[in-house]
Amino acid sequence: MRRVEARHLHPDAVAVALDRFAWAFRQPGRYLTGPGESPGIEVEDGRDDLEVALRHLPRGARADLGRLVERIDAEFERRTLPDPGWACEWTAGRWWWWRIRER
């Protein structure tokens, strides 16, 4: 897992993160399985980028992106299962890393 600061987000990081979720949510079935992804391209990494963007955007843009993120979070939570045994210090406050995508 990579920690990303706002100054390290590439210019299209938000668009790429949104595309990752759009791709994942188009996959059939109730549960997200992931395509054998490599580090840095998991949807959870995209969610990290969205969180960084939310912390640094101006109020109006933050509100707009926040509404999209709320919908993403609801769908991601619906299509994953809790994994309470996996949480660790670097996932603190980032519930999306505490989910199991495979059944």
PDB file of N, CA and C in Angstrom:
ATOM      1  N   MET A   1       0.851  -1.169   0.000  1.00  0.00           N
ATOM      2  CA  MET A   1       0.000   0.000   0.000  1.00  0.00           C
ATOM      3  C   MET A   1       0.885   1.216   0.000  1.00  0.00           C
ATOM      4  N   ARG A   2       0.554   2.166  -0.826  1.00  0.00           N
ATOM      5  CA  ARG A   2       1.350   3.376  -0.910  1.00  0.00           C
ATOM      6  C   ARG A   2       0.628   4.531  -0.245  1.00  0.00           C
ATOM      7  N   ARG A   3       1.353   5.309   0.500  1.00  0.00           N
ATOM      8  CA  ARG A   3       0.789   6.536   1.073  1.00  0.00           C
ATOM      9  C   ARG A   3       0.984   7.633   0.040  1.00  0.00           C
ATOM     10  N   VAL A   4      -0.069   8.342  -0.264  1.00  0.00           N
ATOM     11  CA  VAL A   4      -0.008   9.364  -1.302  1.00  0.00           C
ATOM     12  C   VAL A   4      -0.369  10.706  -0.700  1.00  0.00           C
ATOM     13  N   GLU A   5       0.470  11.654  -0.912  1.00  0.00           N
ATOM     14  CA  GLU A   5       0.190  13.027  -0.505  1.00  0.00           C
ATOM     15  C   GLU A   5      -0.329  13.781  -1.723  1.00  0.00           C
ATOM     16  N   ALA A   6      -1.023  14.869  -1.506  1.00  0.00           N
ATOM     17  CA  ALA A   6      -1.629  15.624  -2.596  1.00  0.00           C
ATOM     18  C   ALA A   6      -0.594  16.032  -3.640  1.00  0.00           C
ATOM     19  N   ARG A   7       0.569  16.411  -3.211  1.00  0.00           N
ATOM     20  CA  ARG A   7       1.564  16.850  -4.188  1.00  0.00           C
ATOM     21  C   ARG A   7       2.053  15.708  -5.068  1.00  0.00           C
ATOM     22  N   HIS A   8       1.775  14.467  -4.678  1.00  0.00           N
ATOM     23  CA  HIS A   8       2.195  13.312  -5.458  1.00  0.00           C
ATOM     24  C   HIS A   8       1.078  12.725  -6.317  1.00  0.00           C
ATOM     25  N   LEU A   9      -0.121  13.253  -6.215  1.00  0.00           N
ATOM     26  CA  LEU A   9      -1.195  12.793  -7.085  1.00  0.00           C
ATOM     27  C   LEU A   9      -0.933  13.316  -8.488  1.00  0.00           C
ATOM     28  N   HIS A  10      -0.975  12.437  -9.460  1.00  0.00           N
ATOM     29  CA  HIS A  10      -0.797  12.901 -10.829  1.00  0.00           C
ATOM     30  C   HIS A  10      -2.054  13.641 -11.271  1.00  0.00           C
ATOM     31  N   PRO A  11      -1.967  14.441 -12.298  1.00  0.00           N
ATOM     32  CA  PRO A  11      -3.080  15.317 -12.668  1.00  0.00           C
ATOM     33  C   PRO A  11      -4.410  14.602 -12.904  1.00  0.00           C
ATOM     34  N   ASP A  12      -4.391  13.380 -13.403  1.00  0.00           N
ATOM     35  CA  ASP A  12      -5.646  12.682 -13.675  1.00  0.00           C
ATOM     36  C   ASP A  12      -5.930  11.578 -12.654  1.00  0.00           C
ATOM     37  N   ALA A  13      -5.381  11.686 -11.450  1.00  0.00           N
ATOM     38  CA  ALA A  13      -5.532  10.639 -10.430  1.00  0.00           C
ATOM     39  C   ALA A  13      -6.988  10.389 -10.067  1.00  0.00           C
ATOM     40  N   VAL A  14      -7.775  11.437  -9.965  1.00  0.00           N
ATOM     41  CA  VAL A  14      -9.186  11.266  -9.603  1.00  0.00           C
ATOM     42  C   VAL A  14      -9.922  10.539 -10.721  1.00  0.00           C
ATOM     43  N   ALA A  15      -9.680  10.931 -11.968  1.00  0.00           N
ATOM     44  CA  ALA A  15     -10.326  10.266 -13.107  1.00  0.00           C
ATOM     45  C   ALA A  15      -9.933   8.791 -13.177  1.00  0.00           C
ATOM     46  N   VAL A  16      -8.672   8.499 -12.947  1.00  0.00           N
ATOM     47  CA  VAL A  16      -8.204   7.111 -12.972  1.00  0.00           C
ATOM     48  C   VAL A  16      -8.863   6.308 -11.855  1.00  0.00           C
ATOM     49  N   ALA A  17      -8.941   6.886 -10.666  1.00  0.00           N
ATOM     50  CA  ALA A  17      -9.577   6.196  -9.538  1.00  0.00           C
ATOM     51  C   ALA A  17     -11.053   5.933  -9.833  1.00  0.00           C
ATOM     52  N   LEU A  18     -11.752   6.914 -10.368  1.00  0.00           N
ATOM     53  CA  LEU A  18     -13.160   6.726 -10.704  1.00  0.00           C
ATOM     54  C   LEU A  18     -13.330   5.656 -11.775  1.00  0.00           C
ATOM     55  N   ASP A  19     -12.413   5.629 -12.747  1.00  0.00           N
ATOM     56  CA  ASP A  19     -12.454   4.593 -13.788  1.00  0.00           C
ATOM     57  C   ASP A  19     -12.234   3.199 -13.200  1.00  0.00           C
ATOM     58  N   ARG A  20     -11.344   3.085 -12.224  1.00  0.00           N
ATOM     59  CA  ARG A  20     -11.117   1.783 -11.576  1.00  0.00           C
ATOM     60  C   ARG A  20     -12.397   1.251 -10.955  1.00  0.00           C
ATOM     61  N   PHE A  21     -13.105   2.123 -10.252  1.00  0.00           N
ATOM     62  CA  PHE A  21     -14.348   1.695  -9.623  1.00  0.00           C
ATOM     63  C   PHE A  21     -15.410   1.395 -10.671  1.00  0.00           C
ATOM     64  N   ALA A  22     -15.495   2.206 -11.716  1.00  0.00           N
ATOM     65  CA  ALA A  22     -16.474   1.949 -12.774  1.00  0.00           C
ATOM     66  C   ALA A  22     -16.213   0.576 -13.386  1.00  0.00           C
ATOM     67  N   TRP A  23     -14.950   0.252 -13.665  1.00  0.00           N
ATOM     68  CA  TRP A  23     -14.601  -1.062 -14.222  1.00  0.00           C
ATOM     69  C   TRP A  23     -14.985  -2.169 -13.246  1.00  0.00           C
ATOM     70  N   ALA A  24     -14.604  -2.019 -11.992  1.00  0.00           N
ATOM     71  CA  ALA A  24     -14.881  -3.067 -10.994  1.00  0.00           C
ATOM     72  C   ALA A  24     -16.375  -3.276 -10.817  1.00  0.00           C
ATOM     73  N   PHE A  25     -17.141  -2.207 -10.809  1.00  0.00           N
ATOM     74  CA  PHE A  25     -18.577  -2.322 -10.572  1.00  0.00           C
ATOM     75  C   PHE A  25     -19.325  -2.864 -11.790  1.00  0.00           C
ATOM     76  N   ARG A  26     -18.704  -2.816 -12.969  1.00  0.00           N
ATOM     77  CA  ARG A  26     -19.327  -3.412 -14.166  1.00  0.00           C
ATOM     78  C   ARG A  26     -19.173  -4.925 -14.201  1.00  0.00           C
ATOM     79  N   GLN A  27     -18.281  -5.472 -13.370  1.00  0.00           N
ATOM     80  CA  GLN A  27     -18.058  -6.910 -13.383  1.00  0.00           C
ATOM     81  C   GLN A  27     -19.305  -7.624 -12.870  1.00  0.00           C
ATOM     82  N   PRO A  28     -19.608  -8.794 -13.437  1.00  0.00           N
ATOM     83  CA  PRO A  28     -20.823  -9.502 -13.028  1.00  0.00           C
ATOM     84  C   PRO A  28     -20.706 -10.078 -11.621  1.00  0.00           C
ATOM     85  N   GLY A  29     -21.846 -10.334 -11.038  1.00  0.00           N
ATOM     86  CA  GLY A  29     -21.876 -10.983  -9.730  1.00  0.00           C
ATOM     87  C   GLY A  29     -21.989  -9.998  -8.593  1.00  0.00           C
ATOM     88  N   ARG A  30     -22.283 -10.542  -7.465  1.00  0.00           N
ATOM     89  CA  ARG A  30     -22.478  -9.739  -6.260  1.00  0.00           C
ATOM     90  C   ARG A  30     -21.162  -9.302  -5.658  1.00  0.00           C
ATOM     91  N   TYR A  31     -20.153 -10.157  -5.716  1.00  0.00           N
ATOM     92  CA  TYR A  31     -18.883  -9.890  -5.035  1.00  0.00           C
ATOM     93  C   TYR A  31     -17.816  -9.459  -6.024  1.00  0.00           C
ATOM     94  N   LEU A  32     -17.017  -8.486  -5.635  1.00  0.00           N
ATOM     95  CA  LEU A  32     -15.882  -8.045  -6.445  1.00  0.00           C
ATOM     96  C   LEU A  32     -14.769  -9.063  -6.291  1.00  0.00           C
ATOM     97  N   THR A  33     -14.182  -9.468  -7.396  1.00  0.00           N
ATOM     98  CA  THR A  33     -13.123 -10.459  -7.312  1.00  0.00           C
ATOM     99  C   THR A  33     -11.763  -9.896  -7.669  1.00  0.00           C
ATOM    100  N   GLY A  34     -11.698  -8.816  -8.379  1.00  0.00           N
ATOM    101  CA  GLY A  34     -10.421  -8.253  -8.778  1.00  0.00           C
ATOM    102  C   GLY A  34      -9.780  -9.087  -9.872  1.00  0.00           C
ATOM    103  N   PRO A  35      -9.086  -8.474 -10.803  1.00  0.00           N
ATOM    104  CA  PRO A  35      -8.518  -9.183 -11.946  1.00  0.00           C
ATOM    105  C   PRO A  35      -7.083  -9.657 -11.720  1.00  0.00           C
ATOM    106  N   GLY A  36      -6.714 -10.061 -10.529  1.00  0.00           N
ATOM    107  CA  GLY A  36      -5.324 -10.424 -10.256  1.00  0.00           C
ATOM    108  C   GLY A  36      -4.448  -9.199 -10.357  1.00  0.00           C
ATOM    109  N   GLU A  37      -4.903  -8.136  -9.767  1.00  0.00           N
ATOM    110  CA  GLU A  37      -4.247  -6.844  -9.887  1.00  0.00           C
ATOM    111  C   GLU A  37      -2.899  -6.822  -9.183  1.00  0.00           C
ATOM    112  N   SER A  38      -2.062  -5.905  -9.608  1.00  0.00           N
ATOM    113  CA  SER A  38      -0.778  -5.727  -8.953  1.00  0.00           C
ATOM    114  C   SER A  38      -0.839  -4.474  -8.090  1.00  0.00           C
ATOM    115  N   PRO A  39       0.084  -4.338  -7.129  1.00  0.00           N
ATOM    116  CA  PRO A  39       0.047  -3.169  -6.243  1.00  0.00           C
ATOM    117  C   PRO A  39       0.023  -1.861  -7.032  1.00  0.00           C
ATOM    118  N   GLY A  40      -0.786  -0.950  -6.555  1.00  0.00           N
ATOM    119  CA  GLY A  40      -0.895   0.349  -7.193  1.00  0.00           C
ATOM    120  C   GLY A  40      -2.054   0.464  -8.153  1.00  0.00           C
ATOM    121  N   ILE A  41      -2.721  -0.655  -8.468  1.00  0.00           N
ATOM    122  CA  ILE A  41      -3.874  -0.561  -9.356  1.00  0.00           C
ATOM    123  C   ILE A  41      -5.127  -1.181  -8.754  1.00  0.00           C
ATOM    124  N   GLU A  42      -5.078  -1.601  -7.504  1.00  0.00           N
ATOM    125  CA  GLU A  42      -6.279  -2.104  -6.856  1.00  0.00           C
ATOM    126  C   GLU A  42      -7.279  -0.968  -6.671  1.00  0.00           C
ATOM    127  N   VAL A  43      -8.556  -1.325  -6.600  1.00  0.00           N
ATOM    128  CA  VAL A  43      -9.546  -0.268  -6.378  1.00  0.00           C
ATOM    129  C   VAL A  43      -9.329   0.393  -5.028  1.00  0.00           C
ATOM    130  N   GLU A  44      -8.800  -0.340  -4.061  1.00  0.00           N
ATOM    131  CA  GLU A  44      -8.512   0.264  -2.756  1.00  0.00           C
ATOM    132  C   GLU A  44      -7.485   1.386  -2.880  1.00  0.00           C
ATOM    133  N   ASP A  45      -6.499   1.219  -3.753  1.00  0.00           N
ATOM    134  CA  ASP A  45      -5.543   2.302  -3.990  1.00  0.00           C
ATOM    135  C   ASP A  45      -6.244   3.503  -4.608  1.00  0.00           C
ATOM    136  N   GLY A  46      -7.180   3.245  -5.494  1.00  0.00           N
ATOM    137  CA  GLY A  46      -7.962   4.337  -6.068  1.00  0.00           C
ATOM    138  C   GLY A  46      -8.742   5.078  -4.997  1.00  0.00           C
ATOM    139  N   ARG A  47      -9.275   4.323  -4.036  1.00  0.00           N
ATOM    140  CA  ARG A  47     -10.024   4.956  -2.942  1.00  0.00           C
ATOM    141  C   ARG A  47      -9.095   5.814  -2.087  1.00  0.00           C
ATOM    142  N   ASP A  48      -7.850   5.352  -1.901  1.00  0.00           N
ATOM    143  CA  ASP A  48      -6.867   6.181  -1.198  1.00  0.00           C
ATOM    144  C   ASP A  48      -6.667   7.506  -1.927  1.00  0.00           C
ATOM    145  N   ASP A  49      -6.526   7.456  -3.251  1.00  0.00           N
ATOM    146  CA  ASP A  49      -6.339   8.685  -4.032  1.00  0.00           C
ATOM    147  C   ASP A  49      -7.536   9.613  -3.890  1.00  0.00           C
ATOM    148  N   LEU A  50      -8.733   9.047  -3.904  1.00  0.00           N
ATOM    149  CA  LEU A  50      -9.928   9.875  -3.740  1.00  0.00           C
ATOM    150  C   LEU A  50      -9.942  10.546  -2.367  1.00  0.00           C
ATOM    151  N   GLU A  51      -9.504   9.815  -1.351  1.00  0.00           N
ATOM    152  CA  GLU A  51      -9.458  10.383   0.005  1.00  0.00           C
ATOM    153  C   GLU A  51      -8.484  11.559   0.072  1.00  0.00           C
ATOM    154  N   VAL A  52      -7.324  11.401  -0.561  1.00  0.00           N
ATOM    155  CA  VAL A  52      -6.347  12.498  -0.591  1.00  0.00           C
ATOM    156  C   VAL A  52      -6.936  13.697  -1.321  1.00  0.00           C
ATOM    157  N   ALA A  53      -7.571  13.461  -2.456  1.00  0.00           N
ATOM    158  CA  ALA A  53      -8.173  14.558  -3.216  1.00  0.00           C
ATOM    159  C   ALA A  53      -9.240  15.265  -2.386  1.00  0.00           C
ATOM    160  N   LEU A  54     -10.067  14.495  -1.678  1.00  0.00           N
ATOM    161  CA  LEU A  54     -11.112  15.102  -0.851  1.00  0.00           C
ATOM    162  C   LEU A  54     -10.529  16.029   0.217  1.00  0.00           C
ATOM    163  N   ARG A  55      -9.372  15.675   0.754  1.00  0.00           N
ATOM    164  CA  ARG A  55      -8.755  16.503   1.797  1.00  0.00           C
ATOM    165  C   ARG A  55      -8.198  17.811   1.247  1.00  0.00           C
ATOM    166  N   HIS A  56      -7.917  17.869  -0.059  1.00  0.00           N
ATOM    167  CA  HIS A  56      -7.204  19.027  -0.595  1.00  0.00           C
ATOM    168  C   HIS A  56      -7.988  19.838  -1.622  1.00  0.00           C
ATOM    169  N   LEU A  57      -9.165  19.398  -1.989  1.00  0.00           N
ATOM    170  CA  LEU A  57      -9.953  20.156  -2.964  1.00  0.00           C
ATOM    171  C   LEU A  57     -10.646  21.342  -2.306  1.00  0.00           C
ATOM    172  N   PRO A  58     -10.945  22.362  -3.081  1.00  0.00           N
ATOM    173  CA  PRO A  58     -11.753  23.461  -2.567  1.00  0.00           C
ATOM    174  C   PRO A  58     -13.165  22.961  -2.217  1.00  0.00           C
ATOM    175  N   ARG A  59     -13.864  23.694  -1.400  1.00  0.00           N
ATOM    176  CA  ARG A  59     -15.153  23.271  -0.838  1.00  0.00           C
ATOM    177  C   ARG A  59     -16.151  22.758  -1.883  1.00  0.00           C
ATOM    178  N   GLY A  60     -16.389  23.489  -2.947  1.00  0.00           N
ATOM    179  CA  GLY A  60     -17.373  23.081  -3.953  1.00  0.00           C
ATOM    180  C   GLY A  60     -16.999  21.781  -4.642  1.00  0.00           C
ATOM    181  N   ALA A  61     -15.751  21.689  -5.081  1.00  0.00           N
ATOM    182  CA  ALA A  61     -15.283  20.466  -5.737  1.00  0.00           C
ATOM    183  C   ALA A  61     -15.278  19.303  -4.760  1.00  0.00           C
ATOM    184  N   ARG A  62     -14.925  19.580  -3.515  1.00  0.00           N
ATOM    185  CA  ARG A  62     -14.928  18.533  -2.480  1.00  0.00           C
ATOM    186  C   ARG A  62     -16.341  17.989  -2.275  1.00  0.00           C
ATOM    187  N   ALA A  63     -17.330  18.861  -2.266  1.00  0.00           N
ATOM    188  CA  ALA A  63     -18.721  18.427  -2.100  1.00  0.00           C
ATOM    189  C   ALA A  63     -19.162  17.567  -3.283  1.00  0.00           C
ATOM    190  N   ASP A  64     -18.809  17.989  -4.504  1.00  0.00           N
ATOM    191  CA  ASP A  64     -19.183  17.224  -5.693  1.00  0.00           C
ATOM    192  C   ASP A  64     -18.536  15.842  -5.688  1.00  0.00           C
ATOM    193  N   LEU A  65     -17.227  15.805  -5.443  1.00  0.00           N
ATOM    194  CA  LEU A  65     -16.539  14.521  -5.395  1.00  0.00           C
ATOM    195  C   LEU A  65     -17.036  13.701  -4.218  1.00  0.00           C
ATOM    196  N   GLY A  66     -17.323  14.335  -3.116  1.00  0.00           N
ATOM    197  CA  GLY A  66     -17.823  13.628  -1.936  1.00  0.00           C
ATOM    198  C   GLY A  66     -19.109  12.864  -2.217  1.00  0.00           C
ATOM    199  N   ARG A  67     -19.994  13.459  -3.023  1.00  0.00           N
ATOM    200  CA  ARG A  67     -21.233  12.755  -3.378  1.00  0.00           C
ATOM    201  C   ARG A  67     -20.940  11.503  -4.206  1.00  0.00           C
ATOM    202  N   LEU A  68     -19.992  11.596  -5.127  1.00  0.00           N
ATOM    203  CA  LEU A  68     -19.597  10.417  -5.907  1.00  0.00           C
ATOM    204  C   LEU A  68     -18.975   9.356  -5.014  1.00  0.00           C
ATOM    205  N   VAL A  69     -18.117   9.777  -4.109  1.00  0.00           N
ATOM    206  CA  VAL A  69     -17.432   8.844  -3.216  1.00  0.00           C
ATOM    207  C   VAL A  69     -18.435   8.145  -2.299  1.00  0.00           C
ATOM    208  N   GLU A  70     -19.450   8.852  -1.845  1.00  0.00           N
ATOM    209  CA  GLU A  70     -20.481   8.207  -1.018  1.00  0.00           C
ATOM    210  C   GLU A  70     -21.146   7.071  -1.770  1.00  0.00           C
ATOM    211  N   ARG A  71     -21.455   7.279  -3.049  1.00  0.00           N
ATOM    212  CA  ARG A  71     -22.073   6.217  -3.851  1.00  0.00           C
ATOM    213  C   ARG A  71     -21.101   5.071  -4.089  1.00  0.00           C
ATOM    214  N   ILE A  72     -19.837   5.409  -4.353  1.00  0.00           N
ATOM    215  CA  ILE A  72     -18.814   4.380  -4.537  1.00  0.00           C
ATOM    216  C   ILE A  72     -18.671   3.552  -3.267  1.00  0.00           C
ATOM    217  N   ASP A  73     -18.585   4.225  -2.128  1.00  0.00           N
ATOM    218  CA  ASP A  73     -18.422   3.519  -0.857  1.00  0.00           C
ATOM    219  C   ASP A  73     -19.590   2.572  -0.594  1.00  0.00           C
ATOM    220  N   ALA A  74     -20.807   3.033  -0.869  1.00  0.00           N
ATOM    221  CA  ALA A  74     -21.981   2.190  -0.628  1.00  0.00           C
ATOM    222  C   ALA A  74     -21.938   0.943  -1.507  1.00  0.00           C
ATOM    223  N   GLU A  75     -21.583   1.111  -2.773  1.00  0.00           N
ATOM    224  CA  GLU A  75     -21.519  -0.050  -3.680  1.00  0.00           C
ATOM    225  C   GLU A  75     -20.355  -0.968  -3.314  1.00  0.00           C
ATOM    226  N   PHE A  76     -19.205  -0.382  -2.974  1.00  0.00           N
ATOM    227  CA  PHE A  76     -18.053  -1.195  -2.586  1.00  0.00           C
ATOM    228  C   PHE A  76     -18.367  -2.002  -1.325  1.00  0.00           C
ATOM    229  N   GLU A  77     -19.003  -1.358  -0.367  1.00  0.00           N
ATOM    230  CA  GLU A  77     -19.363  -2.062   0.863  1.00  0.00           C
ATOM    231  C   GLU A  77     -20.390  -3.163   0.586  1.00  0.00           C
ATOM    232  N   ARG A  78     -21.337  -2.895  -0.303  1.00  0.00           N
ATOM    233  CA  ARG A  78     -22.354  -3.878  -0.643  1.00  0.00           C
ATOM    234  C   ARG A  78     -21.751  -5.113  -1.321  1.00  0.00           C
ATOM    235  N   ARG A  79     -20.678  -4.901  -2.080  1.00  0.00           N
ATOM    236  CA  ARG A  79     -20.107  -5.990  -2.876  1.00  0.00           C
ATOM    237  C   ARG A  79     -18.862  -6.608  -2.265  1.00  0.00           C
ATOM    238  N   THR A  80     -18.577  -6.279  -1.015  1.00  0.00           N
ATOM    239  CA  THR A  80     -17.451  -6.892  -0.309  1.00  0.00           C
ATOM    240  C   THR A  80     -17.926  -7.375   1.049  1.00  0.00           C
ATOM    241  N   LEU A  81     -17.052  -8.097   1.734  1.00  0.00           N
ATOM    242  CA  LEU A  81     -17.362  -8.622   3.057  1.00  0.00           C
ATOM    243  C   LEU A  81     -16.367  -8.082   4.070  1.00  0.00           C
ATOM    244  N   PRO A  82     -16.773  -7.935   5.328  1.00  0.00           N
ATOM    245  CA  PRO A  82     -15.836  -7.451   6.345  1.00  0.00           C
ATOM    246  C   PRO A  82     -14.734  -8.467   6.616  1.00  0.00           C
ATOM    247  N   ASP A  83     -13.562  -7.968   6.903  1.00  0.00           N
ATOM    248  CA  ASP A  83     -12.427  -8.803   7.288  1.00  0.00           C
ATOM    249  C   ASP A  83     -11.814  -8.195   8.544  1.00  0.00           C
ATOM    250  N   PRO A  84     -12.460  -8.363   9.693  1.00  0.00           N
ATOM    251  CA  PRO A  84     -12.004  -7.694  10.914  1.00  0.00           C
ATOM    252  C   PRO A  84     -10.627  -8.145  11.388  1.00  0.00           C
ATOM    253  N   GLY A  85     -10.146  -9.268  10.940  1.00  0.00           N
ATOM    254  CA  GLY A  85      -8.835  -9.748  11.371  1.00  0.00           C
ATOM    255  C   GLY A  85      -7.679  -9.152  10.606  1.00  0.00           C
ATOM    256  N   TRP A  86      -7.955  -8.411   9.529  1.00  0.00           N
ATOM    257  CA  TRP A  86      -6.872  -7.937   8.674  1.00  0.00           C
ATOM    258  C   TRP A  86      -6.415  -6.522   9.003  1.00  0.00           C
ATOM    259  N   ALA A  87      -7.203  -5.770   9.706  1.00  0.00           N
ATOM    260  CA  ALA A  87      -6.869  -4.373   9.976  1.00  0.00           C
ATOM    261  C   ALA A  87      -5.518  -4.251  10.671  1.00  0.00           C
ATOM    262  N   CYS A  88      -4.768  -3.254  10.267  1.00  0.00           N
ATOM    263  CA  CYS A  88      -3.474  -2.993  10.908  1.00  0.00           C
ATOM    264  C   CYS A  88      -3.258  -1.481  10.970  1.00  0.00           C
ATOM    265  N   GLU A  89      -2.141  -1.085  11.501  1.00  0.00           N
ATOM    266  CA  GLU A  89      -1.883   0.339  11.746  1.00  0.00           C
ATOM    267  C   GLU A  89      -1.972   1.190  10.482  1.00  0.00           C
ATOM    268  N   TRP A  90      -1.396   0.731   9.351  1.00  0.00           N
ATOM    269  CA  TRP A  90      -1.405   1.571   8.154  1.00  0.00           C
ATOM    270  C   TRP A  90      -2.773   1.645   7.488  1.00  0.00           C
ATOM    271  N   THR A  91      -3.747   0.825   7.920  1.00  0.00           N
ATOM    272  CA  THR A  91      -5.100   0.933   7.387  1.00  0.00           C
ATOM    273  C   THR A  91      -6.005   1.752   8.308  1.00  0.00           C
ATOM    274  N   ALA A  92      -5.473   2.270   9.369  1.00  0.00           N
ATOM    275  CA  ALA A  92      -6.279   3.027  10.336  1.00  0.00           C
ATOM    276  C   ALA A  92      -7.055   4.136   9.634  1.00  0.00           C
ATOM    277  N   GLY A  93      -8.365   4.147   9.846  1.00  0.00           N
ATOM    278  CA  GLY A  93      -9.221   5.159   9.258  1.00  0.00           C
ATOM    279  C   GLY A  93      -9.594   4.909   7.816  1.00  0.00           C
ATOM    280  N   ARG A  94      -9.094   3.824   7.211  1.00  0.00           N
ATOM    281  CA  ARG A  94      -9.395   3.523   5.817  1.00  0.00           C
ATOM    282  C   ARG A  94     -10.105   2.174   5.742  1.00  0.00           C
ATOM    283  N   TRP A  95     -11.395   2.181   6.050  1.00  0.00           N
ATOM    284  CA  TRP A  95     -12.188   0.961   6.163  1.00  0.00           C
ATOM    285  C   TRP A  95     -12.162   0.127   4.891  1.00  0.00           C
ATOM    286  N   TRP A  96     -11.950   0.746   3.734  1.00  0.00           N
ATOM    287  CA  TRP A  96     -11.990   0.016   2.464  1.00  0.00           C
ATOM    288  C   TRP A  96     -10.891  -1.038   2.359  1.00  0.00           C
ATOM    289  N   TRP A  97      -9.835  -0.898   3.157  1.00  0.00           N
ATOM    290  CA  TRP A  97      -8.780  -1.922   3.163  1.00  0.00           C
ATOM    291  C   TRP A  97      -9.144  -3.078   4.088  1.00  0.00           C
ATOM    292  N   TRP A  98     -10.212  -2.935   4.867  1.00  0.00           N
ATOM    293  CA  TRP A  98     -10.631  -3.975   5.806  1.00  0.00           C
ATOM    294  C   TRP A  98     -11.711  -4.857   5.220  1.00  0.00           C
ATOM    295  N   ARG A  99     -11.866  -4.841   3.911  1.00  0.00           N
ATOM    296  CA  ARG A  99     -12.910  -5.603   3.243  1.00  0.00           C
ATOM    297  C   ARG A  99     -12.302  -6.755   2.432  1.00  0.00           C
ATOM    298  N   ILE A 100     -13.045  -7.814   2.292  1.00  0.00           N
ATOM    299  CA  ILE A 100     -12.623  -8.961   1.478  1.00  0.00           C
ATOM    300  C   ILE A 100     -13.370  -8.867   0.159  1.00  0.00           C
ATOM    301  N   ARG A 101     -12.635  -8.895  -0.948  1.00  0.00           N
ATOM    302  CA  ARG A 101     -13.271  -8.790  -2.245  1.00  0.00           C
ATOM    303  C   ARG A 101     -13.591 -10.155  -2.837  1.00  0.00           C
ATOM    304  N   GLU A 102     -13.003 -11.218  -2.331  1.00  0.00           N
ATOM    305  CA  GLU A 102     -13.260 -12.544  -2.895  1.00  0.00           C
ATOM    306  C   GLU A 102     -14.008 -13.396  -1.898  1.00  0.00           C
ATOM    307  N   ARG A 103     -14.911 -14.218  -2.395  1.00  0.00           N
ATOM    308  CA  ARG A 103     -15.636 -15.133  -1.538  1.00  0.00           C
ATOM    309  C   ARG A 103     -14.833 -16.378  -1.322  1.00  0.00           C
TER     310      ARG A 103
END
